[in-house]
Amino acid sequence: MFQQLLTSFFSSAGFGILFNAPRKLLIQCGITGMIGWGIYFLFYLYEQNVVYGTFIAAFFVGIISQVFARFYKTPILIFTVGGIIPLVPGGLAYDAMRHFVQNDYNGAVSLAAKVLLLSVAIAIGLVASEVANQLIKKLPDKRPRMSK
């Protein structure tokens, strides 16, 4: 598990470098990706549905990105792009294309469908985190007001 988290940290931080994130925020980019991958990997490890795991991981990547963006006063995209990279099903997409080339259409369609489901789960997870953020912002303020 530690090796998985460490690898996801460096891949997320590396994509932060690739997308010109400020140097002082590369650790936060790595942390965002590491947490997202850790959530996904727990679903995978305990043989749960990885599509749900991808959705939950993307949701938390979105939430953490919003927190970091607000705290460091930077665009949310800096943390979201790096944080979501470990969840992208690139290897699975490669396998799907390899099966197509080898004329194994049943295997290729099966893998391509899984790639599509995982990609949609990532997108919905990020959108759901933004919706949750907007709903929280619209909640009425219940703190008592000081009168003069």
N, C-alpha and C. Protein backbone atom coordinates (compact mmCIF):
# COMPACT_ATOMS: atom_id res chain seq x y z
N MET A 1 0.84 -1.19 0.00
CA MET A 1 0.00 0.00 0.00
C MET A 1 0.88 1.26 0.00
N PHE A 2 1.95 1.22 0.81
CA PHE A 2 2.83 2.38 0.88
C PHE A 2 3.45 2.69 -0.49
N GLN A 3 3.85 1.65 -1.20
CA GLN A 3 4.45 1.83 -2.52
C GLN A 3 3.43 2.45 -3.49
N GLN A 4 2.19 2.01 -3.41
CA GLN A 4 1.13 2.57 -4.25
C GLN A 4 0.94 4.06 -3.97
N LEU A 5 0.88 4.41 -2.69
CA LEU A 5 0.68 5.81 -2.31
C LEU A 5 1.86 6.68 -2.73
N LEU A 6 3.06 6.16 -2.55
CA LEU A 6 4.25 6.92 -2.92
C LEU A 6 4.32 7.15 -4.43
N THR A 7 3.99 6.12 -5.19
CA THR A 7 3.99 6.25 -6.65
C THR A 7 2.94 7.25 -7.12
N SER A 8 1.76 7.20 -6.52
CA SER A 8 0.71 8.13 -6.92
C SER A 8 1.07 9.56 -6.53
N PHE A 9 1.75 9.73 -5.40
CA PHE A 9 2.21 11.06 -4.99
C PHE A 9 3.14 11.64 -6.04
N PHE A 10 4.13 10.85 -6.47
CA PHE A 10 5.11 11.36 -7.43
C PHE A 10 4.50 11.56 -8.82
N SER A 11 3.56 10.71 -9.20
CA SER A 11 2.92 10.92 -10.51
C SER A 11 2.08 12.19 -10.51
N SER A 12 1.38 12.45 -9.43
CA SER A 12 0.57 13.67 -9.34
C SER A 12 1.45 14.91 -9.29
N ALA A 13 2.50 14.86 -8.51
CA ALA A 13 3.43 15.99 -8.43
C ALA A 13 4.12 16.19 -9.78
N GLY A 14 4.44 15.09 -10.46
CA GLY A 14 5.06 15.19 -11.78
C GLY A 14 4.15 15.85 -12.79
N PHE A 15 2.88 15.53 -12.75
CA PHE A 15 1.95 16.20 -13.65
C PHE A 15 1.75 17.65 -13.24
N GLY A 16 1.92 17.94 -11.96
CA GLY A 16 1.91 19.34 -11.54
C GLY A 16 3.04 20.11 -12.20
N ILE A 17 4.21 19.49 -12.29
CA ILE A 17 5.35 20.12 -12.97
C ILE A 17 5.03 20.30 -14.45
N LEU A 18 4.46 19.25 -15.06
CA LEU A 18 4.13 19.28 -16.48
C LEU A 18 3.13 20.39 -16.82
N PHE A 19 2.20 20.65 -15.91
CA PHE A 19 1.18 21.68 -16.13
C PHE A 19 1.54 23.02 -15.49
N ASN A 20 2.82 23.21 -15.20
CA ASN A 20 3.35 24.48 -14.70
C ASN A 20 2.70 24.95 -13.41
N ALA A 21 2.45 24.04 -12.49
CA ALA A 21 1.96 24.43 -11.17
C ALA A 21 3.11 25.12 -10.43
N PRO A 22 2.80 26.08 -9.58
CA PRO A 22 3.87 26.72 -8.82
C PRO A 22 4.63 25.69 -7.97
N ARG A 23 5.94 25.89 -7.87
CA ARG A 23 6.78 24.92 -7.15
C ARG A 23 6.34 24.71 -5.72
N LYS A 24 5.90 25.77 -5.08
CA LYS A 24 5.52 25.65 -3.67
C LYS A 24 4.25 24.83 -3.48
N LEU A 25 3.51 24.53 -4.56
CA LEU A 25 2.26 23.78 -4.46
C LEU A 25 2.37 22.35 -4.98
N LEU A 26 3.57 21.92 -5.38
CA LEU A 26 3.73 20.58 -5.92
C LEU A 26 3.45 19.50 -4.87
N ILE A 27 3.81 19.76 -3.63
CA ILE A 27 3.54 18.78 -2.57
C ILE A 27 2.03 18.62 -2.38
N GLN A 28 1.29 19.72 -2.42
CA GLN A 28 -0.17 19.64 -2.29
C GLN A 28 -0.79 18.91 -3.48
N CYS A 29 -0.25 19.11 -4.68
CA CYS A 29 -0.72 18.35 -5.85
C CYS A 29 -0.51 16.86 -5.63
N GLY A 30 0.67 16.52 -5.13
CA GLY A 30 0.97 15.12 -4.86
C GLY A 30 0.07 14.53 -3.79
N ILE A 31 -0.19 15.30 -2.75
CA ILE A 31 -1.07 14.83 -1.67
C ILE A 31 -2.48 14.58 -2.20
N THR A 32 -2.96 15.47 -3.04
CA THR A 32 -4.30 15.31 -3.61
C THR A 32 -4.40 14.01 -4.40
N GLY A 33 -3.43 13.75 -5.26
CA GLY A 33 -3.44 12.51 -6.03
C GLY A 33 -3.26 11.28 -5.17
N MET A 34 -2.43 11.41 -4.13
CA MET A 34 -2.18 10.28 -3.25
C MET A 34 -3.45 9.89 -2.49
N ILE A 35 -4.18 10.87 -2.01
CA ILE A 35 -5.42 10.57 -1.28
C ILE A 35 -6.45 9.95 -2.23
N GLY A 36 -6.59 10.52 -3.42
CA GLY A 36 -7.53 9.96 -4.40
C GLY A 36 -7.19 8.52 -4.75
N TRP A 37 -5.91 8.25 -5.01
CA TRP A 37 -5.51 6.89 -5.35
C TRP A 37 -5.68 5.96 -4.15
N GLY A 38 -5.40 6.45 -2.95
CA GLY A 38 -5.57 5.62 -1.76
C GLY A 38 -7.01 5.17 -1.58
N ILE A 39 -7.95 6.07 -1.83
CA ILE A 39 -9.37 5.71 -1.73
C ILE A 39 -9.73 4.68 -2.79
N TYR A 40 -9.28 4.92 -4.02
CA TYR A 40 -9.54 3.96 -5.09
C TYR A 40 -8.93 2.60 -4.76
N PHE A 41 -7.70 2.61 -4.28
CA PHE A 41 -6.99 1.36 -4.03
C PHE A 41 -7.64 0.56 -2.90
N LEU A 42 -8.22 1.25 -1.92
CA LEU A 42 -8.94 0.54 -0.86
C LEU A 42 -10.15 -0.20 -1.43
N PHE A 43 -10.86 0.43 -2.35
CA PHE A 43 -11.99 -0.25 -3.00
C PHE A 43 -11.48 -1.46 -3.78
N TYR A 44 -10.38 -1.29 -4.48
CA TYR A 44 -9.81 -2.39 -5.26
C TYR A 44 -9.31 -3.50 -4.35
N LEU A 45 -8.65 -3.14 -3.27
CA LEU A 45 -8.05 -4.11 -2.35
C LEU A 45 -9.11 -4.98 -1.69
N TYR A 46 -10.22 -4.38 -1.30
CA TYR A 46 -11.29 -5.12 -0.63
C TYR A 46 -12.33 -5.63 -1.60
N GLU A 47 -11.95 -5.71 -2.89
CA GLU A 47 -12.77 -6.29 -3.94
C GLU A 47 -14.18 -5.68 -4.02
N GLN A 48 -14.22 -4.39 -3.86
CA GLN A 48 -15.47 -3.66 -4.06
C GLN A 48 -15.53 -3.21 -5.51
N ASN A 49 -16.63 -2.62 -5.90
CA ASN A 49 -16.80 -2.14 -7.26
C ASN A 49 -15.85 -0.96 -7.51
N VAL A 50 -14.93 -1.11 -8.47
CA VAL A 50 -13.94 -0.06 -8.70
C VAL A 50 -14.55 1.17 -9.38
N VAL A 51 -15.69 1.02 -10.02
CA VAL A 51 -16.35 2.20 -10.60
C VAL A 51 -16.83 3.10 -9.47
N TYR A 52 -17.44 2.51 -8.43
CA TYR A 52 -17.84 3.31 -7.27
C TYR A 52 -16.61 3.89 -6.58
N GLY A 53 -15.56 3.10 -6.50
CA GLY A 53 -14.32 3.58 -5.89
C GLY A 53 -13.75 4.76 -6.65
N THR A 54 -13.81 4.70 -7.96
CA THR A 54 -13.33 5.81 -8.79
C THR A 54 -14.18 7.05 -8.57
N PHE A 55 -15.49 6.87 -8.49
CA PHE A 55 -16.39 8.00 -8.23
C PHE A 55 -16.07 8.65 -6.88
N ILE A 56 -15.97 7.84 -5.83
CA ILE A 56 -15.69 8.38 -4.50
C ILE A 56 -14.32 9.05 -4.48
N ALA A 57 -13.33 8.43 -5.10
CA ALA A 57 -11.99 9.01 -5.13
C ALA A 57 -11.99 10.35 -5.88
N ALA A 58 -12.68 10.41 -7.01
CA ALA A 58 -12.75 11.66 -7.77
C ALA A 58 -13.49 12.73 -6.98
N PHE A 59 -14.53 12.32 -6.26
CA PHE A 59 -15.27 13.26 -5.42
C PHE A 59 -14.34 13.87 -4.36
N PHE A 60 -13.56 13.03 -3.71
CA PHE A 60 -12.65 13.54 -2.68
C PHE A 60 -11.51 14.36 -3.27
N VAL A 61 -11.05 13.99 -4.47
CA VAL A 61 -10.04 14.81 -5.14
C VAL A 61 -10.61 16.20 -5.39
N GLY A 62 -11.86 16.27 -5.82
CA GLY A 62 -12.50 17.56 -6.04
C GLY A 62 -12.64 18.37 -4.76
N ILE A 63 -13.05 17.72 -3.68
CA ILE A 63 -13.21 18.42 -2.40
C ILE A 63 -11.86 18.92 -1.89
N ILE A 64 -10.85 18.05 -1.92
CA ILE A 64 -9.52 18.45 -1.44
C ILE A 64 -8.96 19.57 -2.31
N SER A 65 -9.19 19.50 -3.60
CA SER A 65 -8.72 20.55 -4.51
C SER A 65 -9.37 21.88 -4.18
N GLN A 66 -10.66 21.85 -3.86
CA GLN A 66 -11.34 23.10 -3.50
C GLN A 66 -10.80 23.68 -2.21
N VAL A 67 -10.53 22.82 -1.25
CA VAL A 67 -9.98 23.29 0.03
C VAL A 67 -8.60 23.90 -0.19
N PHE A 68 -7.74 23.19 -0.93
CA PHE A 68 -6.39 23.71 -1.21
C PHE A 68 -6.46 25.00 -2.01
N ALA A 69 -7.34 25.07 -3.00
CA ALA A 69 -7.45 26.27 -3.83
C ALA A 69 -7.88 27.48 -2.99
N ARG A 70 -8.81 27.26 -2.09
CA ARG A 70 -9.25 28.35 -1.23
C ARG A 70 -8.16 28.76 -0.25
N PHE A 71 -7.48 27.78 0.32
CA PHE A 71 -6.45 28.06 1.33
C PHE A 71 -5.23 28.75 0.72
N TYR A 72 -4.81 28.30 -0.46
CA TYR A 72 -3.62 28.87 -1.09
C TYR A 72 -3.94 29.95 -2.12
N LYS A 73 -5.23 30.28 -2.26
CA LYS A 73 -5.69 31.33 -3.17
C LYS A 73 -5.13 31.14 -4.59
N THR A 74 -5.36 29.95 -5.11
CA THR A 74 -4.94 29.60 -6.47
C THR A 74 -6.11 28.96 -7.20
N PRO A 75 -6.01 28.83 -8.51
CA PRO A 75 -7.09 28.15 -9.25
C PRO A 75 -7.20 26.68 -8.86
N ILE A 76 -8.40 26.19 -8.84
CA ILE A 76 -8.67 24.81 -8.43
C ILE A 76 -8.06 23.81 -9.40
N LEU A 77 -7.91 24.21 -10.65
CA LEU A 77 -7.40 23.32 -11.68
C LEU A 77 -5.99 22.82 -11.39
N ILE A 78 -5.20 23.60 -10.69
CA ILE A 78 -3.83 23.20 -10.33
C ILE A 78 -3.84 21.89 -9.57
N PHE A 79 -4.77 21.75 -8.64
CA PHE A 79 -4.82 20.56 -7.80
C PHE A 79 -5.66 19.45 -8.43
N THR A 80 -6.70 19.81 -9.16
CA THR A 80 -7.60 18.81 -9.74
C THR A 80 -6.90 17.99 -10.82
N VAL A 81 -6.19 18.65 -11.71
CA VAL A 81 -5.55 17.94 -12.82
C VAL A 81 -4.51 16.95 -12.30
N GLY A 82 -3.64 17.42 -11.43
CA GLY A 82 -2.63 16.52 -10.87
C GLY A 82 -3.25 15.42 -10.03
N GLY A 83 -4.29 15.75 -9.29
CA GLY A 83 -4.91 14.79 -8.39
C GLY A 83 -5.70 13.71 -9.09
N ILE A 84 -6.20 14.01 -10.28
CA ILE A 84 -7.05 13.04 -10.97
C ILE A 84 -6.23 12.09 -11.85
N ILE A 85 -4.99 12.46 -12.14
CA ILE A 85 -4.15 11.68 -13.05
C ILE A 85 -4.01 10.21 -12.64
N PRO A 86 -3.78 9.87 -11.37
CA PRO A 86 -3.66 8.44 -11.04
C PRO A 86 -4.93 7.63 -11.29
N LEU A 87 -6.07 8.30 -11.35
CA LEU A 87 -7.33 7.59 -11.54
C LEU A 87 -7.67 7.33 -13.01
N VAL A 88 -6.99 7.99 -13.93
CA VAL A 88 -7.28 7.86 -15.35
C VAL A 88 -6.93 6.45 -15.81
N PRO A 89 -7.88 5.76 -16.46
CA PRO A 89 -7.67 4.35 -16.84
C PRO A 89 -6.88 4.19 -18.14
N GLY A 90 -5.67 4.72 -18.19
CA GLY A 90 -4.86 4.67 -19.41
C GLY A 90 -4.42 3.27 -19.77
N GLY A 91 -4.00 2.49 -18.80
CA GLY A 91 -3.57 1.12 -19.08
C GLY A 91 -4.70 0.27 -19.60
N LEU A 92 -5.87 0.46 -19.04
CA LEU A 92 -7.05 -0.29 -19.48
C LEU A 92 -7.44 0.11 -20.91
N ALA A 93 -7.32 1.40 -21.24
CA ALA A 93 -7.61 1.85 -22.59
C ALA A 93 -6.61 1.25 -23.58
N TYR A 94 -5.36 1.17 -23.18
CA TYR A 94 -4.34 0.55 -24.01
C TYR A 94 -4.68 -0.92 -24.27
N ASP A 95 -5.07 -1.63 -23.20
CA ASP A 95 -5.44 -3.04 -23.36
C ASP A 95 -6.64 -3.21 -24.30
N ALA A 96 -7.60 -2.30 -24.20
CA ALA A 96 -8.77 -2.36 -25.09
C ALA A 96 -8.34 -2.21 -26.54
N MET A 97 -7.47 -1.24 -26.81
CA MET A 97 -6.99 -1.04 -28.18
C MET A 97 -6.17 -2.23 -28.66
N ARG A 98 -5.38 -2.81 -27.77
CA ARG A 98 -4.58 -3.99 -28.14
C ARG A 98 -5.49 -5.15 -28.55
N HIS A 99 -6.58 -5.34 -27.81
CA HIS A 99 -7.53 -6.41 -28.14
C HIS A 99 -8.22 -6.14 -29.49
N PHE A 100 -8.51 -4.85 -29.76
CA PHE A 100 -9.08 -4.53 -31.07
C PHE A 100 -8.11 -4.89 -32.19
N VAL A 101 -6.84 -4.54 -32.02
CA VAL A 101 -5.84 -4.82 -33.05
C VAL A 101 -5.66 -6.33 -33.25
N GLN A 102 -5.80 -7.09 -32.18
CA GLN A 102 -5.64 -8.54 -32.26
C GLN A 102 -6.93 -9.25 -32.67
N ASN A 103 -7.93 -8.49 -33.09
CA ASN A 103 -9.23 -9.02 -33.53
C ASN A 103 -9.99 -9.77 -32.45
N ASP A 104 -9.73 -9.46 -31.19
CA ASP A 104 -10.49 -10.01 -30.07
C ASP A 104 -11.54 -8.97 -29.69
N TYR A 105 -12.60 -8.92 -30.46
CA TYR A 105 -13.58 -7.86 -30.30
C TYR A 105 -14.39 -7.98 -29.02
N ASN A 106 -14.67 -9.21 -28.58
CA ASN A 106 -15.41 -9.37 -27.33
C ASN A 106 -14.62 -8.82 -26.14
N GLY A 107 -13.35 -9.15 -26.06
CA GLY A 107 -12.51 -8.63 -24.98
C GLY A 107 -12.33 -7.13 -25.10
N ALA A 108 -12.20 -6.64 -26.34
CA ALA A 108 -11.99 -5.21 -26.55
C ALA A 108 -13.21 -4.40 -26.13
N VAL A 109 -14.39 -4.87 -26.51
CA VAL A 109 -15.61 -4.14 -26.14
C VAL A 109 -15.81 -4.15 -24.63
N SER A 110 -15.51 -5.27 -24.02
CA SER A 110 -15.63 -5.36 -22.56
C SER A 110 -14.71 -4.36 -21.86
N LEU A 111 -13.46 -4.32 -22.31
CA LEU A 111 -12.50 -3.38 -21.70
C LEU A 111 -12.86 -1.94 -22.01
N ALA A 112 -13.30 -1.68 -23.23
CA ALA A 112 -13.66 -0.31 -23.62
C ALA A 112 -14.86 0.18 -22.80
N ALA A 113 -15.80 -0.72 -22.52
CA ALA A 113 -16.96 -0.34 -21.69
C ALA A 113 -16.51 0.01 -20.28
N LYS A 114 -15.55 -0.76 -19.76
CA LYS A 114 -15.05 -0.46 -18.42
C LYS A 114 -14.31 0.88 -18.39
N VAL A 115 -13.54 1.16 -19.44
CA VAL A 115 -12.85 2.46 -19.55
C VAL A 115 -13.87 3.59 -19.56
N LEU A 116 -14.94 3.41 -20.33
CA LEU A 116 -15.99 4.42 -20.40
C LEU A 116 -16.63 4.64 -19.04
N LEU A 117 -16.95 3.55 -18.34
CA LEU A 117 -17.57 3.68 -17.01
C LEU A 117 -16.65 4.39 -16.02
N LEU A 118 -15.36 4.04 -16.05
CA LEU A 118 -14.42 4.69 -15.14
C LEU A 118 -14.26 6.17 -15.47
N SER A 119 -14.23 6.50 -16.76
CA SER A 119 -14.09 7.90 -17.17
C SER A 119 -15.32 8.72 -16.76
N VAL A 120 -16.48 8.14 -16.94
CA VAL A 120 -17.71 8.83 -16.53
C VAL A 120 -17.76 8.98 -15.01
N ALA A 121 -17.29 7.97 -14.28
CA ALA A 121 -17.25 8.06 -12.81
C ALA A 121 -16.34 9.19 -12.36
N ILE A 122 -15.21 9.38 -13.04
CA ILE A 122 -14.31 10.49 -12.71
C ILE A 122 -15.01 11.82 -12.94
N ALA A 123 -15.64 11.96 -14.10
CA ALA A 123 -16.32 13.21 -14.43
C ALA A 123 -17.45 13.50 -13.45
N ILE A 124 -18.26 12.52 -13.15
CA ILE A 124 -19.39 12.73 -12.23
C ILE A 124 -18.89 13.03 -10.82
N GLY A 125 -17.81 12.37 -10.41
CA GLY A 125 -17.25 12.64 -9.08
C GLY A 125 -16.77 14.07 -8.95
N LEU A 126 -16.10 14.58 -9.97
CA LEU A 126 -15.64 15.98 -9.93
C LEU A 126 -16.81 16.96 -9.95
N VAL A 127 -17.81 16.67 -10.77
CA VAL A 127 -18.98 17.55 -10.82
C VAL A 127 -19.74 17.51 -9.50
N ALA A 128 -19.88 16.32 -8.91
CA ALA A 128 -20.59 16.20 -7.63
C ALA A 128 -19.87 16.96 -6.52
N SER A 129 -18.55 16.99 -6.54
CA SER A 129 -17.84 17.76 -5.51
C SER A 129 -18.08 19.24 -5.68
N GLU A 130 -18.16 19.70 -6.92
CA GLU A 130 -18.44 21.12 -7.16
C GLU A 130 -19.88 21.47 -6.75
N VAL A 131 -20.82 20.57 -7.03
CA VAL A 131 -22.21 20.80 -6.62
C VAL A 131 -22.30 20.85 -5.09
N ALA A 132 -21.62 19.93 -4.42
CA ALA A 132 -21.62 19.93 -2.95
C ALA A 132 -21.02 21.22 -2.42
N ASN A 133 -19.96 21.70 -3.05
CA ASN A 133 -19.35 22.96 -2.63
C ASN A 133 -20.31 24.13 -2.79
N GLN A 134 -21.02 24.17 -3.92
CA GLN A 134 -21.99 25.26 -4.15
C GLN A 134 -23.15 25.19 -3.16
N LEU A 135 -23.60 23.98 -2.84
CA LEU A 135 -24.69 23.84 -1.87
C LEU A 135 -24.25 24.30 -0.47
N ILE A 136 -23.04 23.96 -0.10
CA ILE A 136 -22.52 24.37 1.21
C ILE A 136 -22.40 25.89 1.28
N LYS A 137 -21.98 26.52 0.18
CA LYS A 137 -21.86 27.98 0.16
C LYS A 137 -23.22 28.66 0.33
N LYS A 138 -24.29 28.02 -0.13
CA LYS A 138 -25.62 28.63 -0.08
C LYS A 138 -26.35 28.40 1.24
N LEU A 139 -25.77 27.59 2.13
CA LEU A 139 -26.41 27.37 3.42
C LEU A 139 -26.46 28.68 4.19
N PRO A 140 -27.57 28.93 4.89
CA PRO A 140 -27.65 30.17 5.67
C PRO A 140 -26.66 30.15 6.83
N ASP A 141 -26.17 31.33 7.16
CA ASP A 141 -25.21 31.47 8.25
C ASP A 141 -26.00 31.51 9.56
N LYS A 142 -25.76 30.54 10.45
CA LYS A 142 -26.50 30.41 11.70
C LYS A 142 -25.76 31.02 12.90
N ARG A 143 -24.63 31.68 12.65
CA ARG A 143 -23.89 32.27 13.76
C ARG A 143 -24.65 33.46 14.32
N PRO A 144 -24.60 33.62 15.63
CA PRO A 144 -25.28 34.79 16.22
C PRO A 144 -24.56 36.09 15.82
N ARG A 145 -25.34 37.09 15.57
CA ARG A 145 -24.81 38.40 15.15
C ARG A 145 -24.62 39.28 16.37
N MET A 146 -23.55 40.03 16.37
CA MET A 146 -23.27 40.98 17.45
C MET A 146 -23.96 42.30 17.10
N SER A 147 -24.73 42.81 18.00
CA SER A 147 -25.37 44.09 17.75
C SER A 147 -24.53 45.21 18.37
N LYS A 148 -24.61 46.38 17.77
CA LYS A 148 -23.83 47.53 18.25
C LYS A 148 -24.61 48.35 19.22
